[in-house]
mmCIF file of all heavy atoms, coordinates in Angstrom:
data_MODEL
# 
_entry.id   MODEL 
# 
loop_
_atom_site.group_PDB 
_atom_site.id 
_atom_site.type_symbol 
_atom_site.label_atom_id 
_atom_site.label_alt_id 
_atom_site.label_comp_id 
_atom_site.label_asym_id 
_atom_site.label_entity_id 
_atom_site.label_seq_id 
_atom_site.pdbx_PDB_ins_code 
_atom_site.Cartn_x 
_atom_site.Cartn_y 
_atom_site.Cartn_z 
_atom_site.occupancy 
_atom_site.B_iso_or_equiv 
_atom_site.pdbx_formal_charge 
_atom_site.auth_seq_id 
_atom_site.auth_comp_id 
_atom_site.auth_asym_id 
_atom_site.auth_atom_id 
_atom_site.pdbx_PDB_model_num 
ATOM 1   N N   . GLY A 1 1  ? 0.813  -1.219 0.004   1.00 0.00 ? 1  GLY A N   1 
ATOM 2   C CA  . GLY A 1 1  ? -0.011 -0.015 0.004   1.00 0.00 ? 1  GLY A CA  1 
ATOM 3   C C   . GLY A 1 1  ? 0.800  1.281  0.010   1.00 0.00 ? 1  GLY A C   1 
ATOM 4   O O   . GLY A 1 1  ? 0.270  2.346  0.032   1.00 0.00 ? 1  GLY A O   1 
ATOM 5   N N   . CYS A 1 2  ? 2.135  1.131  -0.063  1.00 0.00 ? 2  CYS A N   1 
ATOM 6   C CA  . CYS A 1 2  ? 3.041  2.269  -0.046  1.00 0.00 ? 2  CYS A CA  1 
ATOM 7   C C   . CYS A 1 2  ? 3.192  2.853  -1.455  1.00 0.00 ? 2  CYS A C   1 
ATOM 8   O O   . CYS A 1 2  ? 3.449  2.048  -2.430  1.00 0.00 ? 2  CYS A O   1 
ATOM 9   C CB  . CYS A 1 2  ? 4.398  1.877  0.505   1.00 0.00 ? 2  CYS A CB  1 
ATOM 10  S SG  . CYS A 1 2  ? 5.543  3.249  0.702   1.00 0.00 ? 2  CYS A SG  1 
ATOM 11  N N   . ARG A 1 3  ? 3.089  4.116  -1.610  1.00 0.00 ? 3  ARG A N   1 
ATOM 12  C CA  . ARG A 1 3  ? 3.264  4.761  -2.927  1.00 0.00 ? 3  ARG A CA  1 
ATOM 13  C C   . ARG A 1 3  ? 4.706  4.697  -3.346  1.00 0.00 ? 3  ARG A C   1 
ATOM 14  O O   . ARG A 1 3  ? 5.585  5.142  -2.572  1.00 0.00 ? 3  ARG A O   1 
ATOM 15  C CB  . ARG A 1 3  ? 2.762  6.207  -2.811  1.00 0.00 ? 3  ARG A CB  1 
ATOM 16  C CG  . ARG A 1 3  ? 2.996  7.063  -4.054  1.00 0.00 ? 3  ARG A CG  1 
ATOM 17  C CD  . ARG A 1 3  ? 2.581  8.516  -3.780  1.00 0.00 ? 3  ARG A CD  1 
ATOM 18  N NE  . ARG A 1 3  ? 2.968  9.389  -4.869  1.00 0.00 ? 3  ARG A NE  1 
ATOM 19  C CZ  . ARG A 1 3  ? 2.951  10.706 -4.761  1.00 0.00 ? 3  ARG A CZ  1 
ATOM 20  N NH1 . ARG A 1 3  ? 2.538  11.299 -3.643  1.00 0.00 ? 3  ARG A NH1 1 
ATOM 21  N NH2 . ARG A 1 3  ? 3.285  11.469 -5.766  1.00 0.00 ? 3  ARG A NH2 1 
ATOM 22  N N   . ILE A 1 4  ? 4.985  4.214  -4.540  1.00 0.00 ? 4  ILE A N   1 
ATOM 23  C CA  . ILE A 1 4  ? 6.334  4.218  -5.055  1.00 0.00 ? 4  ILE A CA  1 
ATOM 24  C C   . ILE A 1 4  ? 6.628  5.560  -5.718  1.00 0.00 ? 4  ILE A C   1 
ATOM 25  O O   . ILE A 1 4  ? 5.999  5.881  -6.708  1.00 0.00 ? 4  ILE A O   1 
ATOM 26  C CB  . ILE A 1 4  ? 6.565  3.041  -6.053  1.00 0.00 ? 4  ILE A CB  1 
ATOM 27  C CG1 . ILE A 1 4  ? 6.288  1.668  -5.357  1.00 0.00 ? 4  ILE A CG1 1 
ATOM 28  C CG2 . ILE A 1 4  ? 7.962  3.076  -6.556  1.00 0.00 ? 4  ILE A CG2 1 
ATOM 29  C CD1 . ILE A 1 4  ? 6.377  0.503  -6.249  1.00 0.00 ? 4  ILE A CD1 1 
ATOM 30  N N   . LEU A 1 5  ? 7.489  6.328  -5.121  1.00 0.00 ? 5  LEU A N   1 
ATOM 31  C CA  . LEU A 1 5  ? 7.795  7.656  -5.648  1.00 0.00 ? 5  LEU A CA  1 
ATOM 32  C C   . LEU A 1 5  ? 8.649  7.589  -6.895  1.00 0.00 ? 5  LEU A C   1 
ATOM 33  O O   . LEU A 1 5  ? 8.595  8.445  -7.780  1.00 0.00 ? 5  LEU A O   1 
ATOM 34  C CB  . LEU A 1 5  ? 8.500  8.488  -4.586  1.00 0.00 ? 5  LEU A CB  1 
ATOM 35  C CG  . LEU A 1 5  ? 7.736  8.684  -3.303  1.00 0.00 ? 5  LEU A CG  1 
ATOM 36  C CD1 . LEU A 1 5  ? 8.543  9.501  -2.271  1.00 0.00 ? 5  LEU A CD1 1 
ATOM 37  C CD2 . LEU A 1 5  ? 6.351  9.302  -3.503  1.00 0.00 ? 5  LEU A CD2 1 
ATOM 38  N N   . GLY A 1 6  ? 9.468  6.547  -7.011  1.00 0.00 ? 6  GLY A N   1 
ATOM 39  C CA  . GLY A 1 6  ? 10.352 6.419  -8.170  1.00 0.00 ? 6  GLY A CA  1 
ATOM 40  C C   . GLY A 1 6  ? 11.524 5.492  -7.876  1.00 0.00 ? 6  GLY A C   1 
ATOM 41  O O   . GLY A 1 6  ? 11.533 4.827  -6.865  1.00 0.00 ? 6  GLY A O   1 
ATOM 42  N N   . ALA A 1 7  ? 12.418 5.419  -8.826  1.00 0.00 ? 7  ALA A N   1 
ATOM 43  C CA  . ALA A 1 7  ? 13.580 4.521  -8.685  1.00 0.00 ? 7  ALA A CA  1 
ATOM 44  C C   . ALA A 1 7  ? 14.870 5.297  -9.007  1.00 0.00 ? 7  ALA A C   1 
ATOM 45  O O   . ALA A 1 7  ? 14.870 6.218  -9.778  1.00 0.00 ? 7  ALA A O   1 
ATOM 46  C CB  . ALA A 1 7  ? 13.447 3.385  -9.659  1.00 0.00 ? 7  ALA A CB  1 
ATOM 47  N N   . VAL A 1 8  ? 15.927 4.952  -8.258  1.00 0.00 ? 8  VAL A N   1 
ATOM 48  C CA  . VAL A 1 8  ? 17.262 5.480  -8.537  1.00 0.00 ? 8  VAL A CA  1 
ATOM 49  C C   . VAL A 1 8  ? 18.053 4.400  -9.198  1.00 0.00 ? 8  VAL A C   1 
ATOM 50  O O   . VAL A 1 8  ? 18.266 3.360  -8.634  1.00 0.00 ? 8  VAL A O   1 
ATOM 51  C CB  . VAL A 1 8  ? 17.929 5.924  -7.223  1.00 0.00 ? 8  VAL A CB  1 
ATOM 52  C CG1 . VAL A 1 8  ? 19.389 6.340  -7.461  1.00 0.00 ? 8  VAL A CG1 1 
ATOM 53  C CG2 . VAL A 1 8  ? 17.195 7.064  -6.548  1.00 0.00 ? 8  VAL A CG2 1 
ATOM 54  N N   . LEU A 1 9  ? 18.537 4.703  -10.424 1.00 0.00 ? 9  LEU A N   1 
ATOM 55  C CA  . LEU A 1 9  ? 19.416 3.776  -11.073 1.00 0.00 ? 9  LEU A CA  1 
ATOM 56  C C   . LEU A 1 9  ? 20.898 4.111  -10.676 1.00 0.00 ? 9  LEU A C   1 
ATOM 57  O O   . LEU A 1 9  ? 21.368 5.233  -10.953 1.00 0.00 ? 9  LEU A O   1 
ATOM 58  C CB  . LEU A 1 9  ? 19.278 3.893  -12.602 1.00 0.00 ? 9  LEU A CB  1 
ATOM 59  C CG  . LEU A 1 9  ? 20.127 2.933  -13.474 1.00 0.00 ? 9  LEU A CG  1 
ATOM 60  C CD1 . LEU A 1 9  ? 19.751 1.504  -13.124 1.00 0.00 ? 9  LEU A CD1 1 
ATOM 61  C CD2 . LEU A 1 9  ? 19.866 3.241  -14.937 1.00 0.00 ? 9  LEU A CD2 1 
ATOM 62  N N   . ASN A 1 10 ? 21.526 3.204  -9.996  1.00 0.00 ? 10 ASN A N   1 
ATOM 63  C CA  . ASN A 1 10 ? 22.780 3.519  -9.341  1.00 0.00 ? 10 ASN A CA  1 
ATOM 64  C C   . ASN A 1 10 ? 23.936 2.705  -9.989  1.00 0.00 ? 10 ASN A C   1 
ATOM 65  O O   . ASN A 1 10 ? 23.679 1.752  -10.667 1.00 0.00 ? 10 ASN A O   1 
ATOM 66  C CB  . ASN A 1 10 ? 22.702 3.195  -7.839  1.00 0.00 ? 10 ASN A CB  1 
ATOM 67  C CG  . ASN A 1 10 ? 23.634 3.960  -6.995  1.00 0.00 ? 10 ASN A CG  1 
ATOM 68  O OD1 . ASN A 1 10 ? 24.137 5.024  -7.366  1.00 0.00 ? 10 ASN A OD1 1 
ATOM 69  N ND2 . ASN A 1 10 ? 23.976 3.412  -5.837  1.00 0.00 ? 10 ASN A ND2 1 
ATOM 70  N N   . MET A 1 11 ? 25.167 3.156  -9.739  1.00 0.00 ? 11 MET A N   1 
ATOM 71  C CA  . MET A 1 11 ? 26.379 2.425  -10.171 1.00 0.00 ? 11 MET A CA  1 
ATOM 72  C C   . MET A 1 11 ? 26.453 2.255  -11.665 1.00 0.00 ? 11 MET A C   1 
ATOM 73  O O   . MET A 1 11 ? 26.796 1.215  -12.188 1.00 0.00 ? 11 MET A O   1 
ATOM 74  C CB  . MET A 1 11 ? 26.462 1.034  -9.471  1.00 0.00 ? 11 MET A CB  1 
ATOM 75  C CG  . MET A 1 11 ? 26.549 1.165  -7.978  1.00 0.00 ? 11 MET A CG  1 
ATOM 76  S SD  . MET A 1 11 ? 26.726 -0.420 -7.185  1.00 0.00 ? 11 MET A SD  1 
ATOM 77  C CE  . MET A 1 11 ? 26.815 0.003  -5.488  1.00 0.00 ? 11 MET A CE  1 
ATOM 78  N N   . ILE A 1 12 ? 26.177 3.345  -12.384 1.00 0.00 ? 12 ILE A N   1 
ATOM 79  C CA  . ILE A 1 12 ? 26.226 3.298  -13.850 1.00 0.00 ? 12 ILE A CA  1 
ATOM 80  C C   . ILE A 1 12 ? 27.715 3.389  -14.303 1.00 0.00 ? 12 ILE A C   1 
ATOM 81  O O   . ILE A 1 12 ? 28.473 4.175  -13.726 1.00 0.00 ? 12 ILE A O   1 
ATOM 82  C CB  . ILE A 1 12 ? 25.438 4.397  -14.434 1.00 0.00 ? 12 ILE A CB  1 
ATOM 83  C CG1 . ILE A 1 12 ? 23.940 4.112  -14.331 1.00 0.00 ? 12 ILE A CG1 1 
ATOM 84  C CG2 . ILE A 1 12 ? 25.775 4.688  -15.883 1.00 0.00 ? 12 ILE A CG2 1 
ATOM 85  C CD1 . ILE A 1 12 ? 23.028 5.193  -14.907 1.00 0.00 ? 12 ILE A CD1 1 
ATOM 86  N N   . GLN A 1 13 ? 28.074 2.597  -15.234 1.00 0.00 ? 13 GLN A N   1 
ATOM 87  C CA  . GLN A 1 13 ? 29.405 2.712  -15.867 1.00 0.00 ? 13 GLN A CA  1 
ATOM 88  C C   . GLN A 1 13 ? 29.230 3.084  -17.335 1.00 0.00 ? 13 GLN A C   1 
ATOM 89  O O   . GLN A 1 13 ? 28.637 2.343  -18.116 1.00 0.00 ? 13 GLN A O   1 
ATOM 90  C CB  . GLN A 1 13 ? 30.140 1.352  -15.723 1.00 0.00 ? 13 GLN A CB  1 
ATOM 91  C CG  . GLN A 1 13 ? 30.584 1.035  -14.320 1.00 0.00 ? 13 GLN A CG  1 
ATOM 92  C CD  . GLN A 1 13 ? 31.300 -0.291 -14.306 1.00 0.00 ? 13 GLN A CD  1 
ATOM 93  O OE1 . GLN A 1 13 ? 30.736 -1.333 -14.425 1.00 0.00 ? 13 GLN A OE1 1 
ATOM 94  N NE2 . GLN A 1 13 ? 32.626 -0.251 -14.074 1.00 0.00 ? 13 GLN A NE2 1 
ATOM 95  N N   . SER A 1 14 ? 29.741 4.250  -17.684 1.00 0.00 ? 14 SER A N   1 
ATOM 96  C CA  . SER A 1 14 ? 29.611 4.706  -19.055 1.00 0.00 ? 14 SER A CA  1 
ATOM 97  C C   . SER A 1 14 ? 30.983 5.003  -19.620 1.00 0.00 ? 14 SER A C   1 
ATOM 98  O O   . SER A 1 14 ? 32.004 4.955  -18.907 1.00 0.00 ? 14 SER A O   1 
ATOM 99  C CB  . SER A 1 14 ? 28.761 5.970  -19.102 1.00 0.00 ? 14 SER A CB  1 
ATOM 100 O OG  . SER A 1 14 ? 27.431 5.740  -18.640 1.00 0.00 ? 14 SER A OG  1 
ATOM 101 N N   . THR A 1 15 ? 31.030 5.330  -20.897 1.00 0.00 ? 15 THR A N   1 
ATOM 102 C CA  . THR A 1 15 ? 32.340 5.580  -21.561 1.00 0.00 ? 15 THR A CA  1 
ATOM 103 C C   . THR A 1 15 ? 32.858 6.935  -21.074 1.00 0.00 ? 15 THR A C   1 
ATOM 104 O O   . THR A 1 15 ? 32.181 7.913  -21.009 1.00 0.00 ? 15 THR A O   1 
ATOM 105 C CB  . THR A 1 15 ? 32.143 5.667  -23.057 1.00 0.00 ? 15 THR A CB  1 
ATOM 106 O OG1 . THR A 1 15 ? 31.508 4.447  -23.460 1.00 0.00 ? 15 THR A OG1 1 
ATOM 107 C CG2 . THR A 1 15 ? 33.480 5.802  -23.759 1.00 0.00 ? 15 THR A CG2 1 
ATOM 108 N N   . LYS A 1 16 ? 34.172 6.952  -20.755 1.00 0.00 ? 16 LYS A N   1 
ATOM 109 C CA  . LYS A 1 16 ? 34.801 8.175  -20.352 1.00 0.00 ? 16 LYS A CA  1 
ATOM 110 C C   . LYS A 1 16 ? 34.703 9.201  -21.465 1.00 0.00 ? 16 LYS A C   1 
ATOM 111 O O   . LYS A 1 16 ? 34.896 8.892  -22.608 1.00 0.00 ? 16 LYS A O   1 
ATOM 112 C CB  . LYS A 1 16 ? 36.286 7.903  -19.996 1.00 0.00 ? 16 LYS A CB  1 
ATOM 113 C CG  . LYS A 1 16 ? 36.704 8.496  -18.671 1.00 0.00 ? 16 LYS A CG  1 
ATOM 114 C CD  . LYS A 1 16 ? 38.111 8.035  -18.320 1.00 0.00 ? 16 LYS A CD  1 
ATOM 115 C CE  . LYS A 1 16 ? 38.346 8.371  -16.834 1.00 0.00 ? 16 LYS A CE  1 
ATOM 116 N NZ  . LYS A 1 16 ? 39.669 7.986  -16.410 1.00 0.00 ? 16 LYS A NZ  1 
ATOM 117 N N   . GLY A 1 17 ? 34.426 10.425 -21.092 1.00 0.00 ? 17 GLY A N   1 
ATOM 118 C CA  . GLY A 1 17 ? 34.333 11.452 -22.102 1.00 0.00 ? 17 GLY A CA  1 
ATOM 119 C C   . GLY A 1 17 ? 32.846 11.690 -22.491 1.00 0.00 ? 17 GLY A C   1 
ATOM 120 O O   . GLY A 1 17 ? 32.525 12.706 -23.056 1.00 0.00 ? 17 GLY A O   1 
ATOM 121 N N   . SER A 1 18 ? 31.996 10.724 -22.175 1.00 0.00 ? 18 SER A N   1 
ATOM 122 C CA  . SER A 1 18 ? 30.582 10.904 -22.451 1.00 0.00 ? 18 SER A CA  1 
ATOM 123 C C   . SER A 1 18 ? 29.977 11.975 -21.555 1.00 0.00 ? 18 SER A C   1 
ATOM 124 O O   . SER A 1 18 ? 30.404 12.138 -20.401 1.00 0.00 ? 18 SER A O   1 
ATOM 125 C CB  . SER A 1 18 ? 29.855 9.558  -22.224 1.00 0.00 ? 18 SER A CB  1 
ATOM 126 O OG  . SER A 1 18 ? 28.491 9.758  -22.154 1.00 0.00 ? 18 SER A OG  1 
ATOM 127 N N   . TYR A 1 19 ? 28.939 12.649 -22.041 1.00 0.00 ? 19 TYR A N   1 
ATOM 128 C CA  . TYR A 1 19 ? 28.248 13.649 -21.212 1.00 0.00 ? 19 TYR A CA  1 
ATOM 129 C C   . TYR A 1 19 ? 27.736 13.046 -19.927 1.00 0.00 ? 19 TYR A C   1 
ATOM 130 O O   . TYR A 1 19 ? 27.696 13.692 -18.895 1.00 0.00 ? 19 TYR A O   1 
ATOM 131 C CB  . TYR A 1 19 ? 27.150 14.226 -22.030 1.00 0.00 ? 19 TYR A CB  1 
ATOM 132 C CG  . TYR A 1 19 ? 26.332 15.301 -21.255 1.00 0.00 ? 19 TYR A CG  1 
ATOM 133 C CD1 . TYR A 1 19 ? 26.825 16.580 -21.117 1.00 0.00 ? 19 TYR A CD1 1 
ATOM 134 C CD2 . TYR A 1 19 ? 25.107 14.985 -20.718 1.00 0.00 ? 19 TYR A CD2 1 
ATOM 135 C CE1 . TYR A 1 19 ? 26.131 17.497 -20.425 1.00 0.00 ? 19 TYR A CE1 1 
ATOM 136 C CE2 . TYR A 1 19 ? 24.391 15.940 -20.025 1.00 0.00 ? 19 TYR A CE2 1 
ATOM 137 C CZ  . TYR A 1 19 ? 24.907 17.222 -19.901 1.00 0.00 ? 19 TYR A CZ  1 
ATOM 138 O OH  . TYR A 1 19 ? 24.170 18.170 -19.168 1.00 0.00 ? 19 TYR A OH  1 
ATOM 139 N N   . TYR A 1 20 ? 27.321 11.771 -19.992 1.00 0.00 ? 20 TYR A N   1 
ATOM 140 C CA  . TYR A 1 20 ? 26.757 11.119 -18.834 1.00 0.00 ? 20 TYR A CA  1 
ATOM 141 C C   . TYR A 1 20 ? 27.711 10.198 -18.133 1.00 0.00 ? 20 TYR A C   1 
ATOM 142 O O   . TYR A 1 20 ? 27.335 9.289  -17.418 1.00 0.00 ? 20 TYR A O   1 
ATOM 143 C CB  . TYR A 1 20 ? 25.473 10.328 -19.252 1.00 0.00 ? 20 TYR A CB  1 
ATOM 144 C CG  . TYR A 1 20 ? 24.356 11.254 -19.636 1.00 0.00 ? 20 TYR A CG  1 
ATOM 145 C CD1 . TYR A 1 20 ? 23.850 11.211 -20.905 1.00 0.00 ? 20 TYR A CD1 1 
ATOM 146 C CD2 . TYR A 1 20 ? 23.810 12.161 -18.719 1.00 0.00 ? 20 TYR A CD2 1 
ATOM 147 C CE1 . TYR A 1 20 ? 22.798 12.034 -21.266 1.00 0.00 ? 20 TYR A CE1 1 
ATOM 148 C CE2 . TYR A 1 20 ? 22.770 13.008 -19.091 1.00 0.00 ? 20 TYR A CE2 1 
ATOM 149 C CZ  . TYR A 1 20 ? 22.265 12.945 -20.356 1.00 0.00 ? 20 TYR A CZ  1 
ATOM 150 O OH  . TYR A 1 20 ? 21.254 13.786 -20.725 1.00 0.00 ? 20 TYR A OH  1 
ATOM 151 N N   . TYR A 1 21 ? 29.026 10.369 -18.347 1.00 0.00 ? 21 TYR A N   1 
ATOM 152 C CA  . TYR A 1 21 ? 29.997 9.506  -17.703 1.00 0.00 ? 21 TYR A CA  1 
ATOM 153 C C   . TYR A 1 21 ? 29.985 9.598  -16.189 1.00 0.00 ? 21 TYR A C   1 
ATOM 154 O O   . TYR A 1 21 ? 29.897 10.648 -15.644 1.00 0.00 ? 21 TYR A O   1 
ATOM 155 C CB  . TYR A 1 21 ? 31.416 9.835  -18.188 1.00 0.00 ? 21 TYR A CB  1 
ATOM 156 C CG  . TYR A 1 21 ? 32.495 9.106  -17.417 1.00 0.00 ? 21 TYR A CG  1 
ATOM 157 C CD1 . TYR A 1 21 ? 32.675 7.752  -17.593 1.00 0.00 ? 21 TYR A CD1 1 
ATOM 158 C CD2 . TYR A 1 21 ? 33.220 9.793  -16.452 1.00 0.00 ? 21 TYR A CD2 1 
ATOM 159 C CE1 . TYR A 1 21 ? 33.612 7.094  -16.807 1.00 0.00 ? 21 TYR A CE1 1 
ATOM 160 C CE2 . TYR A 1 21 ? 34.212 9.135  -15.714 1.00 0.00 ? 21 TYR A CE2 1 
ATOM 161 C CZ  . TYR A 1 21 ? 34.372 7.772  -15.911 1.00 0.00 ? 21 TYR A CZ  1 
ATOM 162 O OH  . TYR A 1 21 ? 35.319 7.088  -15.169 1.00 0.00 ? 21 TYR A OH  1 
ATOM 163 N N   . ARG A 1 22 ? 29.922 8.445  -15.540 1.00 0.00 ? 22 ARG A N   1 
ATOM 164 C CA  . ARG A 1 22 ? 30.078 8.383  -14.079 1.00 0.00 ? 22 ARG A CA  1 
ATOM 165 C C   . ARG A 1 22 ? 30.992 7.197  -13.715 1.00 0.00 ? 22 ARG A C   1 
ATOM 166 O O   . ARG A 1 22 ? 30.928 6.142  -14.373 1.00 0.00 ? 22 ARG A O   1 
ATOM 167 C CB  . ARG A 1 22 ? 28.722 8.138  -13.408 1.00 0.00 ? 22 ARG A CB  1 
ATOM 168 C CG  . ARG A 1 22 ? 27.648 9.176  -13.749 1.00 0.00 ? 22 ARG A CG  1 
ATOM 169 C CD  . ARG A 1 22 ? 27.999 10.513 -13.180 1.00 0.00 ? 22 ARG A CD  1 
ATOM 170 N NE  . ARG A 1 22 ? 27.030 11.532 -13.566 1.00 0.00 ? 22 ARG A NE  1 
ATOM 171 C CZ  . ARG A 1 22 ? 27.059 12.213 -14.666 1.00 0.00 ? 22 ARG A CZ  1 
ATOM 172 N NH1 . ARG A 1 22 ? 28.085 12.070 -15.522 1.00 0.00 ? 22 ARG A NH1 1 
ATOM 173 N NH2 . ARG A 1 22 ? 26.095 13.037 -14.961 1.00 0.00 ? 22 ARG A NH2 1 
ATOM 174 N N   . SER A 1 23 ? 31.708 7.336  -12.687 1.00 0.00 ? 23 SER A N   1 
ATOM 175 C CA  . SER A 1 23 ? 32.532 6.193  -12.236 1.00 0.00 ? 23 SER A CA  1 
ATOM 176 C C   . SER A 1 23 ? 31.703 5.227  -11.485 1.00 0.00 ? 23 SER A C   1 
ATOM 177 O O   . SER A 1 23 ? 30.643 5.540  -11.014 1.00 0.00 ? 23 SER A O   1 
ATOM 178 C CB  . SER A 1 23 ? 33.703 6.737  -11.323 1.00 0.00 ? 23 SER A CB  1 
ATOM 179 O OG  . SER A 1 23 ? 33.143 7.339  -10.173 1.00 0.00 ? 23 SER A OG  1 
ATOM 180 N N   . LYS A 1 24 ? 32.225 4.005  -11.318 1.00 0.00 ? 24 LYS A N   1 
ATOM 181 C CA  . LYS A 1 24 ? 31.508 2.945  -10.577 1.00 0.00 ? 24 LYS A CA  1 
ATOM 182 C C   . LYS A 1 24 ? 31.259 3.400  -9.148  1.00 0.00 ? 24 LYS A C   1 
ATOM 183 O O   . LYS A 1 24 ? 32.156 3.946  -8.457  1.00 0.00 ? 24 LYS A O   1 
ATOM 184 C CB  . LYS A 1 24 ? 32.326 1.669  -10.607 1.00 0.00 ? 24 LYS A CB  1 
ATOM 185 C CG  . LYS A 1 24 ? 31.599 0.516  -9.951  1.00 0.00 ? 24 LYS A CG  1 
ATOM 186 C CD  . LYS A 1 24 ? 32.386 -0.774 -10.009 1.00 0.00 ? 24 LYS A CD  1 
ATOM 187 C CE  . LYS A 1 24 ? 31.667 -1.915 -9.373  1.00 0.00 ? 24 LYS A CE  1 
ATOM 188 N NZ  . LYS A 1 24 ? 32.412 -3.163 -9.424  1.00 0.00 ? 24 LYS A NZ  1 
ATOM 189 N N   . GLY A 1 25 ? 30.058 3.185  -8.683  1.00 0.00 ? 25 GLY A N   1 
ATOM 190 C CA  . GLY A 1 25 ? 29.768 3.528  -7.254  1.00 0.00 ? 25 GLY A CA  1 
ATOM 191 C C   . GLY A 1 25 ? 29.061 4.834  -7.163  1.00 0.00 ? 25 GLY A C   1 
ATOM 192 O O   . GLY A 1 25 ? 28.581 5.197  -6.118  1.00 0.00 ? 25 GLY A O   1 
# 
């Protein structure tokens, strides 16, 4: 019965230099 506000997608690994690049963790 709890409202799900949303989800956090965590620990993304992307290509270095990409606009959305993030390190692990």
